[in-house]
Amino acid sequence: MSELPPDHNADDLPDPLNTFDEIIAEETTRDPDLAVIEAGSRTLRTQGGPPEADIPTRPADPEVDKALREVETELATRWGETKLEPSVSRIAALMDVLGEPQRSYPSIHITGTNGKTSTARMIEALLGAFELRTGRYTSPHVQSVTERISLDGAPISPERFIETYQDIKPYVEMVDAAQEYRLSFFEVLTGMAYAAFADAPADVAVVEVGMGGSWDATNVIDGDVAVVTPIDLDHTDRLGETHAEIATEKAGIIKQGATVIMAQQPVDAAQVLLKKAVEVDATVAREGLEFGVVERQVAVGGQLVTLRGLGGEYPEVYLPLHGAHQAHNAAVALAAVEAFFGVGAQRADALDLDTVRKAFAAVASPGRLEVVRRSPTVVLDAAHNPAGGRAAAEAIGEAFQFSRLIGVVGASGDKNVRGLLEAFEPVFAEVVVTQNSSHRAMDADELAGIAVEVFGEERVQVEPRLPDALEAAITLAEEEGEFAGGGVLVTGSVITVGEARLLLGRG
């Protein structure tokens, strides 16, 4: 069977320009997080998945593995990613003693609440397809810390990770001694990424914000393109309790004269972002107005989309990822790369269509509706907040024909767990609550108490150990028989997904 759906008769397809006008008309009324633009029929529902994800395993060489573990142990002695002192003073000091490596290449900087990593991977794929050497920095990692720093579309090797750490370690210690607080885990990794990109050397860096924007450690770069994926309520204790307050922090990555690629946003968040753009004389392109998704059809292993870019239409682009939210991420990524190349500003022509198609067809996003087992089908998704949960629930219903879906949920205690569970309640027949190995994990019994309130006692099972939870969920999914179409979705946390991935034989 072909990976793409059969060709359509051109006379049967809607006029893309007319369809895009409909996007503009809808933009002011539809929900920015759940919006689905479907101009064509859904062709083929499938249990297919994306290309094999590039998740590194432990080093095969025992000496290299030992050295990597020593680096990981040293990094673990520093402040974790949930303990913050909102300032860029320490990372700026590190960049200074390293000779400002982040100034040696242009960059695309990405903030937002959901979709940052997938969007970063798409941007990376597009830039690589146009023969640029890329450096990508994303967080958190699914299985290995080396995933966070990528060159040429692949995580750096353990040997290079160790070498980069050893190279900057004396400078890290120098900054530690001069500052009130030592550099954090995330700050050191950010320094390593910027140094590795300069050493490569990279033609362009694709950098995902860790949290917020203005005081995030990544914000010592001046991104030529600032990307803002959909903003929702998350990390409210640190970023603010309203969309506008959170947008104020995230707007900090918008620099003087940059181009801002803005995904669909709540109105109050959009107002904040647009005001910041005016203040720094930045150019703005908005999803649904200057660019967007024109048409979207479910296809084998993903979807077929027509995108409206800054330079024109890109029809029949195959995206091997599931869900309307990934189509919107693709539109944002395409616009970001167009802006980087000057499309819509210095040049009016669109990017080469075949190159764009080739790039998107090769995209993988580990832990984002990723199929890791068959019979029954087990899917992993790293949704950890209500907006991510709603997007995943909608996508799994669209892309898979599960007659009965069992959820395995392990969440962090600092998240809106009730909102996450409520997002999945309509699609989970039963839920097995568990916990991952992180110190941040919510206790399984505490999570079960919330789950019972959302699902009812008869639909909730508690298995504190993740291996037991996976086994229980698979057993429940198999109860309908081999060909009945039961499935399992593991979700709630990137850490839960990463550990499940290992247990199910990936990596």
Protein backbone atom coordinates (compact mmCIF):
# COMPACT_ATOMS: atom_id res chain seq x y z
CA MET A 1 0.00 0.00 0.00
CA SER A 2 1.31 3.45 -0.84
CA GLU A 3 2.17 5.73 2.07
CA LEU A 4 0.20 8.51 0.44
CA PRO A 5 -3.50 8.46 -0.36
CA PRO A 6 -4.50 8.12 -4.01
CA ASP A 7 -4.39 11.19 -6.20
CA HIS A 8 -7.54 13.23 -6.27
CA ASN A 9 -9.25 14.62 -9.33
CA ALA A 10 -8.28 18.29 -9.44
CA ASP A 11 -11.87 19.25 -10.22
CA ASP A 12 -12.98 17.76 -6.92
CA LEU A 13 -10.63 19.84 -4.78
CA PRO A 14 -11.74 23.14 -3.23
CA ASP A 15 -10.17 26.40 -4.36
CA PRO A 16 -7.31 26.95 -1.87
CA LEU A 17 -7.68 30.73 -2.00
CA ASN A 18 -11.38 30.54 -1.18
CA THR A 19 -10.63 28.12 1.63
CA PHE A 20 -8.00 30.41 3.05
CA ASP A 21 -10.51 33.26 3.04
CA GLU A 22 -12.68 31.04 5.24
CA ILE A 23 -9.78 30.66 7.67
CA ILE A 24 -9.58 34.44 8.01
CA ALA A 25 -13.33 34.67 8.57
CA GLU A 26 -13.24 31.99 11.27
CA GLU A 27 -10.17 33.28 13.08
CA THR A 28 -11.95 35.62 15.49
CA THR A 29 -14.49 33.07 16.70
CA ARG A 30 -12.92 29.67 16.96
CA ASP A 31 -11.10 28.14 19.90
CA PRO A 32 -7.38 28.69 19.23
CA ASP A 33 -6.34 25.40 20.85
CA LEU A 34 -8.92 23.06 19.36
CA ALA A 35 -9.40 24.64 15.93
CA VAL A 36 -9.50 22.13 13.07
CA ILE A 37 -9.42 23.35 9.48
CA GLU A 38 -10.65 20.49 7.30
CA ALA A 39 -11.41 21.42 3.70
CA GLY A 40 -11.44 17.83 2.42
CA SER A 41 -12.87 14.50 3.41
CA ARG A 42 -11.03 12.15 5.77
CA THR A 43 -9.71 9.47 3.52
CA LEU A 44 -8.18 6.58 5.41
CA ARG A 45 -8.11 5.96 9.14
CA THR A 46 -5.01 4.08 10.12
CA GLN A 47 -2.90 2.75 12.94
CA GLY A 48 0.27 3.86 11.20
CA GLY A 49 2.97 5.92 12.84
CA PRO A 50 5.74 8.39 12.02
CA PRO A 51 9.25 7.52 10.85
CA GLU A 52 11.49 5.83 13.41
CA ALA A 53 12.41 8.41 16.02
CA ASP A 54 16.03 9.37 16.59
CA ILE A 55 16.24 8.54 20.30
CA PRO A 56 19.77 7.53 21.36
CA THR A 57 20.42 4.49 23.50
CA ARG A 58 23.10 4.10 26.16
CA PRO A 59 26.62 3.92 24.68
CA ALA A 60 27.72 0.41 23.77
CA ASP A 61 31.30 1.11 24.86
CA PRO A 62 31.46 0.60 28.66
CA GLU A 63 34.11 3.30 29.06
CA VAL A 64 32.06 5.86 27.17
CA ASP A 65 28.96 4.88 29.13
CA LYS A 66 30.88 5.31 32.38
CA ALA A 67 32.15 8.75 31.32
CA LEU A 68 28.65 9.84 30.28
CA ARG A 69 27.23 8.70 33.61
CA GLU A 70 29.89 10.74 35.40
CA VAL A 71 28.85 13.84 33.45
CA GLU A 72 25.17 13.13 34.17
CA THR A 73 26.00 12.75 37.88
CA GLU A 74 27.84 16.07 37.96
CA LEU A 75 24.97 17.82 36.17
CA ALA A 76 22.52 16.28 38.64
CA THR A 77 24.23 18.07 41.55
CA ARG A 78 23.02 21.39 40.13
CA TRP A 79 19.63 23.03 40.45
CA GLY A 80 17.06 21.08 38.48
CA GLU A 81 14.80 22.58 35.85
CA THR A 82 12.00 23.22 38.33
CA LYS A 83 14.13 25.35 40.65
CA LEU A 84 14.64 28.76 39.12
CA GLU A 85 16.15 32.13 39.90
CA PRO A 86 14.69 34.24 37.09
CA SER A 87 17.75 35.92 35.64
CA VAL A 88 20.05 35.58 32.63
CA SER A 89 23.03 37.01 34.53
CA ARG A 90 24.71 33.64 35.08
CA ILE A 91 24.30 32.35 31.53
CA ALA A 92 25.37 35.76 30.18
CA ALA A 93 28.52 35.53 32.29
CA LEU A 94 29.21 32.05 30.93
CA MET A 95 28.73 33.24 27.35
CA ASP A 96 31.13 36.11 28.04
CA VAL A 97 33.98 33.89 29.23
CA LEU A 98 33.32 31.44 26.38
CA GLY A 99 33.67 34.27 23.83
CA GLU A 100 29.97 34.67 22.98
CA PRO A 101 29.58 31.47 20.90
CA GLN A 102 25.85 32.15 20.44
CA ARG A 103 26.73 35.18 18.28
CA SER A 104 28.52 33.08 15.67
CA TYR A 105 25.36 31.91 13.88
CA PRO A 106 21.83 33.18 13.22
CA SER A 107 19.03 31.59 15.21
CA ILE A 108 15.34 30.82 15.28
CA HIS A 109 13.98 31.07 18.84
CA ILE A 110 10.81 29.21 19.84
CA THR A 111 8.54 29.80 22.83
CA GLY A 112 4.91 28.91 23.67
CA THR A 113 3.10 26.43 25.88
CA ASN A 114 2.57 23.43 23.60
CA GLY A 115 4.10 22.23 20.34
CA LYS A 116 7.56 23.76 20.74
CA THR A 117 9.60 20.59 20.28
CA SER A 118 7.60 19.28 17.32
CA THR A 119 7.79 22.70 15.68
CA ALA A 120 11.54 22.85 16.30
CA ARG A 121 12.00 19.44 14.67
CA MET A 122 10.01 20.53 11.62
CA ILE A 123 12.02 23.75 11.30
CA GLU A 124 15.23 21.75 11.60
CA ALA A 125 14.09 19.32 8.89
CA LEU A 126 13.19 22.14 6.51
CA LEU A 127 16.48 23.98 7.02
CA GLY A 128 18.43 20.75 6.57
CA ALA A 129 16.56 19.98 3.35
CA PHE A 130 17.76 23.35 2.03
CA GLU A 131 21.33 22.24 2.78
CA LEU A 132 21.96 24.32 5.88
CA ARG A 133 23.85 22.81 8.78
CA THR A 134 21.57 23.00 11.80
CA GLY A 135 21.98 22.94 15.54
CA ARG A 136 18.83 22.19 17.57
CA TYR A 137 18.39 22.63 21.30
CA THR A 138 15.17 21.28 22.85
CA SER A 139 13.93 20.15 26.25
CA PRO A 140 13.08 18.06 28.15
CA HIS A 141 14.54 14.85 26.81
CA VAL A 142 12.52 11.65 26.40
CA GLN A 143 15.19 9.09 27.28
CA SER A 144 18.74 10.47 27.01
CA VAL A 145 20.11 13.87 27.95
CA THR A 146 22.10 13.85 24.70
CA GLU A 147 18.81 14.25 22.78
CA ARG A 148 18.69 17.89 23.80
CA ILE A 149 21.59 18.93 21.58
CA SER A 150 21.37 17.95 17.92
CA LEU A 151 23.57 18.65 14.91
CA ASP A 152 22.48 18.00 11.35
CA GLY A 153 19.19 16.53 12.52
CA ALA A 154 20.60 13.94 14.94
CA PRO A 155 21.50 14.01 18.65
CA ILE A 156 25.19 14.56 19.25
CA SER A 157 27.14 11.43 20.11
CA PRO A 158 27.87 10.59 23.75
CA GLU A 159 31.55 11.18 23.03
CA ARG A 160 30.85 14.68 21.71
CA PHE A 161 28.52 15.42 24.61
CA ILE A 162 31.23 14.43 27.09
CA GLU A 163 33.89 16.39 25.20
CA THR A 164 31.72 19.52 25.08
CA TYR A 165 31.07 19.31 28.81
CA GLN A 166 34.75 18.88 29.60
CA ASP A 167 35.63 21.81 27.31
CA ILE A 168 33.35 24.28 29.07
CA LYS A 169 33.68 22.85 32.61
CA PRO A 170 36.57 25.15 33.68
CA TYR A 171 34.57 28.18 32.54
CA VAL A 172 31.45 26.93 34.29
CA GLU A 173 33.43 26.63 37.53
CA MET A 174 34.83 30.14 37.01
CA VAL A 175 31.31 31.56 36.70
CA ASP A 176 30.08 29.47 39.65
CA ALA A 177 32.75 31.05 41.85
CA ALA A 178 31.80 34.59 40.85
CA GLN A 179 28.01 34.29 41.12
CA GLU A 180 25.64 34.19 44.08
CA TYR A 181 24.19 30.91 42.79
CA ARG A 182 25.88 28.19 40.77
CA LEU A 183 24.81 27.69 37.18
CA SER A 184 21.79 25.39 37.00
CA PHE A 185 21.48 22.09 35.13
CA PHE A 186 19.60 23.84 32.32
CA GLU A 187 22.03 26.75 32.15
CA VAL A 188 25.03 24.43 31.77
CA LEU A 189 23.28 22.44 29.05
CA THR A 190 22.38 25.68 27.27
CA GLY A 191 26.01 26.74 27.39
CA MET A 192 27.05 23.34 26.04
CA ALA A 193 24.57 23.61 23.16
CA TYR A 194 25.70 27.09 22.13
CA ALA A 195 29.35 26.04 22.32
CA ALA A 196 28.71 22.85 20.33
CA PHE A 197 26.89 24.77 17.61
CA ALA A 198 29.76 27.26 17.29
CA ASP A 199 32.33 24.48 17.20
CA ALA A 200 30.48 22.46 14.51
CA PRO A 201 30.02 25.12 13.04
CA ALA A 202 26.25 25.39 12.54
CA ASP A 203 24.76 27.60 9.84
CA VAL A 204 21.68 28.24 11.97
CA ALA A 205 20.49 27.30 15.47
CA VAL A 206 16.93 26.26 16.27
CA VAL A 207 16.45 26.93 19.97
CA GLU A 208 13.49 26.00 22.15
CA VAL A 209 12.87 28.03 25.29
CA GLY A 210 12.94 26.02 28.51
CA MET A 211 10.32 28.07 30.35
CA GLY A 212 8.84 31.47 29.73
CA GLY A 213 11.10 33.62 27.62
CA SER A 214 12.42 36.88 29.04
CA TRP A 215 14.53 35.30 31.79
CA ASP A 216 14.98 31.86 30.25
CA ALA A 217 18.60 30.76 29.93
CA THR A 218 18.27 30.45 26.15
CA ASN A 219 17.45 34.16 25.87
CA VAL A 220 21.04 35.30 25.42
CA ILE A 221 20.52 34.87 21.68
CA ASP A 222 18.93 37.44 19.42
CA GLY A 223 16.72 35.31 17.24
CA ASP A 224 16.30 36.59 13.70
CA VAL A 225 12.95 34.78 13.82
CA ALA A 226 10.91 34.50 17.03
CA VAL A 227 8.27 31.75 16.99
CA VAL A 228 5.38 31.71 19.46
CA THR A 229 3.42 28.45 19.50
CA PRO A 230 -0.03 28.38 21.19
CA ILE A 231 -0.03 29.87 24.68
CA ASP A 232 -2.11 28.26 27.41
CA LEU A 233 -2.12 28.06 31.20
CA ASP A 234 0.90 26.11 32.43
CA HIS A 235 3.63 26.86 35.00
CA THR A 236 1.21 29.45 36.39
CA ASP A 237 3.14 29.68 39.66
CA ARG A 238 6.13 31.05 37.73
CA LEU A 239 4.74 32.68 34.60
CA GLY A 240 1.39 34.13 35.69
CA GLU A 241 -2.20 33.04 36.04
CA THR A 242 -3.66 34.53 32.85
CA HIS A 243 -2.86 34.16 29.16
CA ALA A 244 -1.77 37.81 29.08
CA GLU A 245 0.64 37.41 32.00
CA ILE A 246 2.18 34.29 30.47
CA ALA A 247 2.43 36.00 27.08
CA THR A 248 4.28 38.90 28.71
CA GLU A 249 7.04 36.53 29.81
CA LYS A 250 7.15 34.70 26.49
CA ALA A 251 7.26 37.96 24.52
CA GLY A 252 10.74 38.46 25.96
CA ILE A 253 12.27 36.51 23.06
CA ILE A 254 11.02 39.09 20.53
CA LYS A 255 14.07 41.20 19.73
CA GLN A 256 14.64 44.44 17.86
CA GLY A 257 13.82 44.10 14.16
CA ALA A 258 13.03 40.38 14.33
CA THR A 259 10.26 38.57 12.47
CA VAL A 260 7.60 37.08 14.74
CA ILE A 261 5.75 33.95 13.60
CA MET A 262 2.66 33.76 15.77
CA ALA A 263 0.46 30.68 16.03
CA GLN A 264 -3.23 31.07 16.86
CA GLN A 265 -3.46 32.64 20.31
CA PRO A 266 -6.07 33.63 22.88
CA VAL A 267 -7.03 37.25 22.22
CA ASP A 268 -5.39 38.65 25.36
CA ALA A 269 -2.14 36.82 24.64
CA ALA A 270 -2.12 38.01 21.03
CA GLN A 271 -2.56 41.61 22.18
CA VAL A 272 0.50 41.35 24.44
CA LEU A 273 2.63 39.80 21.70
CA LEU A 274 1.58 42.38 19.11
CA LYS A 275 2.28 45.24 21.51
CA LYS A 276 5.81 43.92 22.15
CA ALA A 277 6.38 43.57 18.40
CA VAL A 278 5.44 47.22 17.89
CA GLU A 279 7.76 48.31 20.69
CA VAL A 280 10.79 46.65 19.10
CA ASP A 281 9.85 47.28 15.46
CA ALA A 282 9.42 43.59 14.73
CA THR A 283 7.46 42.24 11.77
CA VAL A 284 4.58 39.90 12.59
CA ALA A 285 3.04 37.04 10.61
CA ARG A 286 -0.13 35.55 12.15
CA GLU A 287 -1.54 32.09 11.64
CA GLY A 288 -4.94 32.33 10.00
CA LEU A 289 -4.13 35.65 8.36
CA GLU A 290 -0.69 35.70 6.75
CA PHE A 291 -0.29 31.91 6.77
CA GLY A 292 -2.17 28.79 7.85
CA VAL A 293 -3.56 25.33 7.13
CA VAL A 294 -5.73 25.36 4.01
CA GLU A 295 -6.67 21.70 3.77
CA ARG A 296 -6.04 18.62 5.86
CA GLN A 297 -6.85 14.96 5.22
CA VAL A 298 -6.08 11.88 7.28
CA ALA A 299 -3.59 9.65 5.46
CA VAL A 300 -1.73 6.43 6.12
CA GLY A 301 0.64 7.08 9.01
CA GLY A 302 -0.20 10.77 9.29
CA GLN A 303 -1.95 13.37 7.20
CA LEU A 304 -1.85 15.17 3.86
CA VAL A 305 -1.94 18.95 4.20
CA THR A 306 -2.02 21.99 2.00
CA LEU A 307 -0.30 24.90 3.69
CA ARG A 308 -0.54 28.58 2.97
CA GLY A 309 2.88 30.11 3.50
CA LEU A 310 4.19 33.64 3.34
CA GLY A 311 5.14 33.05 -0.28
CA GLY A 312 2.15 31.07 -1.56
CA GLU A 313 0.54 27.64 -1.50
CA TYR A 314 2.26 24.35 -0.73
CA PRO A 315 -0.22 21.64 -1.78
CA GLU A 316 -0.32 17.93 -0.84
CA VAL A 317 2.45 17.95 1.75
CA TYR A 318 2.66 14.60 3.56
CA LEU A 319 3.19 14.96 7.32
CA PRO A 320 3.83 11.65 9.14
CA LEU A 321 2.39 12.94 12.43
CA HIS A 322 -1.17 12.70 13.71
CA GLY A 323 -3.57 15.44 14.71
CA ALA A 324 -4.78 18.88 13.72
CA HIS A 325 -2.31 20.40 16.18
CA GLN A 326 0.61 18.95 14.22
CA ALA A 327 -0.76 20.42 10.99
CA HIS A 328 -0.82 23.82 12.70
CA ASN A 329 2.73 23.23 13.97
CA ALA A 330 3.74 22.50 10.37
CA ALA A 331 2.23 25.77 9.16
CA VAL A 332 4.12 27.67 11.86
CA ALA A 333 7.39 25.87 11.06
CA LEU A 334 7.04 26.55 7.34
CA ALA A 335 6.36 30.25 7.92
CA ALA A 336 9.36 30.46 10.27
CA VAL A 337 11.70 29.00 7.64
CA GLU A 338 10.22 31.23 4.94
CA ALA A 339 10.83 34.25 7.18
CA PHE A 340 14.39 33.09 7.84
CA PHE A 341 15.02 32.99 4.07
CA GLY A 342 13.36 36.40 3.60
CA VAL A 343 10.20 35.17 1.90
CA GLY A 344 7.54 37.87 2.21
CA ALA A 345 10.14 40.54 2.86
CA GLN A 346 13.20 40.47 0.58
CA ARG A 347 11.66 37.97 -1.84
CA ALA A 348 8.15 37.11 -2.98
CA ASP A 349 8.59 33.60 -4.35
CA ALA A 350 7.72 30.49 -2.38
CA LEU A 351 10.24 27.87 -1.28
CA ASP A 352 10.84 24.92 -3.60
CA LEU A 353 7.79 22.67 -3.19
CA ASP A 354 9.58 19.34 -3.69
CA THR A 355 12.16 20.24 -1.05
CA VAL A 356 9.42 21.23 1.40
CA ARG A 357 7.57 17.98 0.76
CA LYS A 358 10.73 15.93 1.23
CA ALA A 359 11.52 17.66 4.52
CA PHE A 360 8.10 17.23 6.08
CA ALA A 361 7.86 13.60 4.98
CA ALA A 362 10.97 12.82 7.04
CA VAL A 363 9.85 14.49 10.29
CA ALA A 364 9.62 12.42 13.46
CA SER A 365 8.58 13.64 16.92
CA PRO A 366 9.27 11.02 19.59
CA GLY A 367 6.63 10.63 22.26
CA ARG A 368 4.01 12.57 20.30
CA LEU A 369 1.29 10.04 19.39
CA GLU A 370 4.09 7.58 18.72
CA VAL A 371 3.13 3.94 18.08
CA VAL A 372 5.54 1.63 19.93
CA ARG A 373 3.71 -1.69 19.93
CA ARG A 374 1.03 -3.63 18.01
CA SER A 375 -1.58 -6.20 19.12
CA PRO A 376 -2.75 -4.33 21.02
CA THR A 377 -1.55 -0.98 19.72
CA VAL A 378 0.27 1.08 22.35
CA VAL A 379 0.65 4.80 21.68
CA LEU A 380 2.79 7.28 23.63
CA ASP A 381 1.99 10.97 23.97
CA ALA A 382 3.77 13.43 26.24
CA ALA A 383 0.70 15.62 26.92
CA HIS A 384 1.08 17.07 30.42
CA ASN A 385 -1.40 19.93 30.58
CA PRO A 386 -5.10 20.32 29.66
CA ALA A 387 -4.47 21.91 26.25
CA GLY A 388 -2.05 19.14 25.30
CA GLY A 389 -4.50 16.56 26.56
CA ARG A 390 -7.35 17.96 24.48
CA ALA A 391 -5.19 17.99 21.34
CA ALA A 392 -4.03 14.40 21.92
CA ALA A 393 -7.55 13.15 22.68
CA GLU A 394 -8.92 14.71 19.52
CA ALA A 395 -6.05 13.40 17.40
CA ILE A 396 -6.19 9.82 18.63
CA GLY A 397 -9.91 9.70 17.92
CA GLU A 398 -9.29 10.94 14.40
CA ALA A 399 -6.27 8.84 13.48
CA PHE A 400 -7.05 5.49 15.14
CA GLN A 401 -10.10 3.24 15.12
CA PHE A 402 -9.90 2.00 18.69
CA SER A 403 -13.09 0.33 19.84
CA ARG A 404 -11.86 0.65 23.42
CA LEU A 405 -9.01 2.85 24.60
CA ILE A 406 -7.23 2.31 27.93
CA GLY A 407 -5.24 5.16 29.40
CA VAL A 408 -2.05 4.88 31.43
CA VAL A 409 -1.44 8.18 33.20
CA GLY A 410 1.55 9.20 35.30
CA ALA A 411 1.73 12.93 35.96
CA SER A 412 3.86 15.46 37.78
CA GLY A 413 2.55 16.90 41.01
CA ASP A 414 3.00 20.51 39.90
CA LYS A 415 0.65 20.20 36.91
CA ASN A 416 -3.09 20.76 36.44
CA VAL A 417 -3.75 17.04 36.72
CA ARG A 418 -7.53 17.36 37.01
CA GLY A 419 -7.69 19.36 33.79
CA LEU A 420 -5.48 16.80 32.06
CA LEU A 421 -7.69 13.89 33.16
CA GLU A 422 -10.85 15.77 32.16
CA ALA A 423 -9.41 16.21 28.67
CA PHE A 424 -9.05 12.44 28.30
CA GLU A 425 -12.27 11.39 30.06
CA PRO A 426 -14.38 11.27 26.86
CA VAL A 427 -11.93 8.91 25.08
CA PHE A 428 -10.68 6.58 27.85
CA ALA A 429 -12.90 3.59 28.60
CA GLU A 430 -10.74 2.95 31.66
CA VAL A 431 -7.63 4.55 33.12
CA VAL A 432 -4.70 2.95 34.94
CA VAL A 433 -3.00 5.55 37.14
CA THR A 434 0.64 5.15 38.02
CA GLN A 435 3.78 7.16 38.72
CA ASN A 436 7.18 7.52 37.11
CA SER A 437 10.54 7.49 38.87
CA SER A 438 10.94 11.27 39.06
CA HIS A 439 10.87 13.01 42.43
CA ARG A 440 8.29 15.34 40.85
CA ALA A 441 5.85 12.50 40.15
CA MET A 442 2.45 12.70 41.77
CA ASP A 443 1.82 9.80 44.13
CA ALA A 444 -0.28 7.15 42.40
CA ASP A 445 -2.85 7.07 45.20
CA GLU A 446 -3.22 10.85 45.14
CA LEU A 447 -3.62 10.75 41.35
CA ALA A 448 -6.18 7.96 41.74
CA GLY A 449 -8.26 10.12 44.08
CA ILE A 450 -8.54 12.79 41.41
CA ALA A 451 -9.13 10.20 38.67
CA VAL A 452 -12.04 8.66 40.61
CA GLU A 453 -13.69 12.08 40.81
CA VAL A 454 -13.31 12.52 37.03
CA PHE A 455 -13.95 8.97 35.74
CA GLY A 456 -15.86 7.25 38.53
CA GLU A 457 -14.45 4.48 40.69
CA GLU A 458 -15.37 1.64 38.34
CA ARG A 459 -13.19 3.08 35.54
CA VAL A 460 -10.01 3.62 37.59
CA GLN A 461 -7.28 1.10 38.41
CA VAL A 462 -4.18 1.91 40.48
CA GLU A 463 -0.76 0.42 39.73
CA PRO A 464 2.03 2.41 41.42
CA ARG A 465 4.76 0.74 39.35
CA LEU A 466 4.82 1.74 35.69
CA PRO A 467 5.68 -1.79 34.42
CA ASP A 468 2.63 -3.14 36.27
CA ALA A 469 0.48 -0.30 34.89
CA LEU A 470 1.52 -1.09 31.32
CA GLU A 471 0.82 -4.79 31.81
CA ALA A 472 -2.59 -4.06 33.34
CA ALA A 473 -3.57 -1.69 30.54
CA ILE A 474 -2.47 -4.10 27.82
CA THR A 475 -4.47 -6.88 29.51
CA LEU A 476 -7.56 -4.65 29.61
CA ALA A 477 -7.11 -3.75 25.94
CA GLU A 478 -6.81 -7.42 25.00
CA GLU A 479 -10.04 -8.40 26.74
CA GLU A 480 -12.07 -7.65 23.62
CA GLY A 481 -10.09 -10.15 21.58
CA GLU A 482 -7.24 -10.06 19.11
CA PHE A 483 -9.11 -8.29 16.34
CA ALA A 484 -11.46 -6.12 18.38
CA GLY A 485 -9.39 -2.95 18.16
CA GLY A 486 -8.48 -2.20 21.76
CA GLY A 487 -5.60 0.21 22.35
CA VAL A 488 -3.49 1.83 25.06
CA LEU A 489 -2.41 5.46 25.36
CA VAL A 490 0.42 6.25 27.78
CA THR A 491 0.48 9.91 28.74
CA GLY A 492 0.74 12.54 31.48
CA SER A 493 4.44 13.38 31.45
CA VAL A 494 7.49 13.33 29.21
CA ILE A 495 9.21 11.25 31.90
CA THR A 496 6.37 8.70 31.98
CA VAL A 497 6.51 8.41 28.20
CA GLY A 498 10.28 8.04 28.18
CA GLU A 499 10.26 5.30 30.80
CA ALA A 500 7.40 3.49 29.03
CA ARG A 501 9.34 3.72 25.79
CA LEU A 502 12.27 1.90 27.39
CA LEU A 503 10.04 -0.72 28.98
CA LEU A 504 8.39 -1.41 25.63
CA GLY A 505 11.71 -2.00 23.93
CA ARG A 506 12.36 1.34 22.23
CA GLY A 507 15.90 2.38 23.14
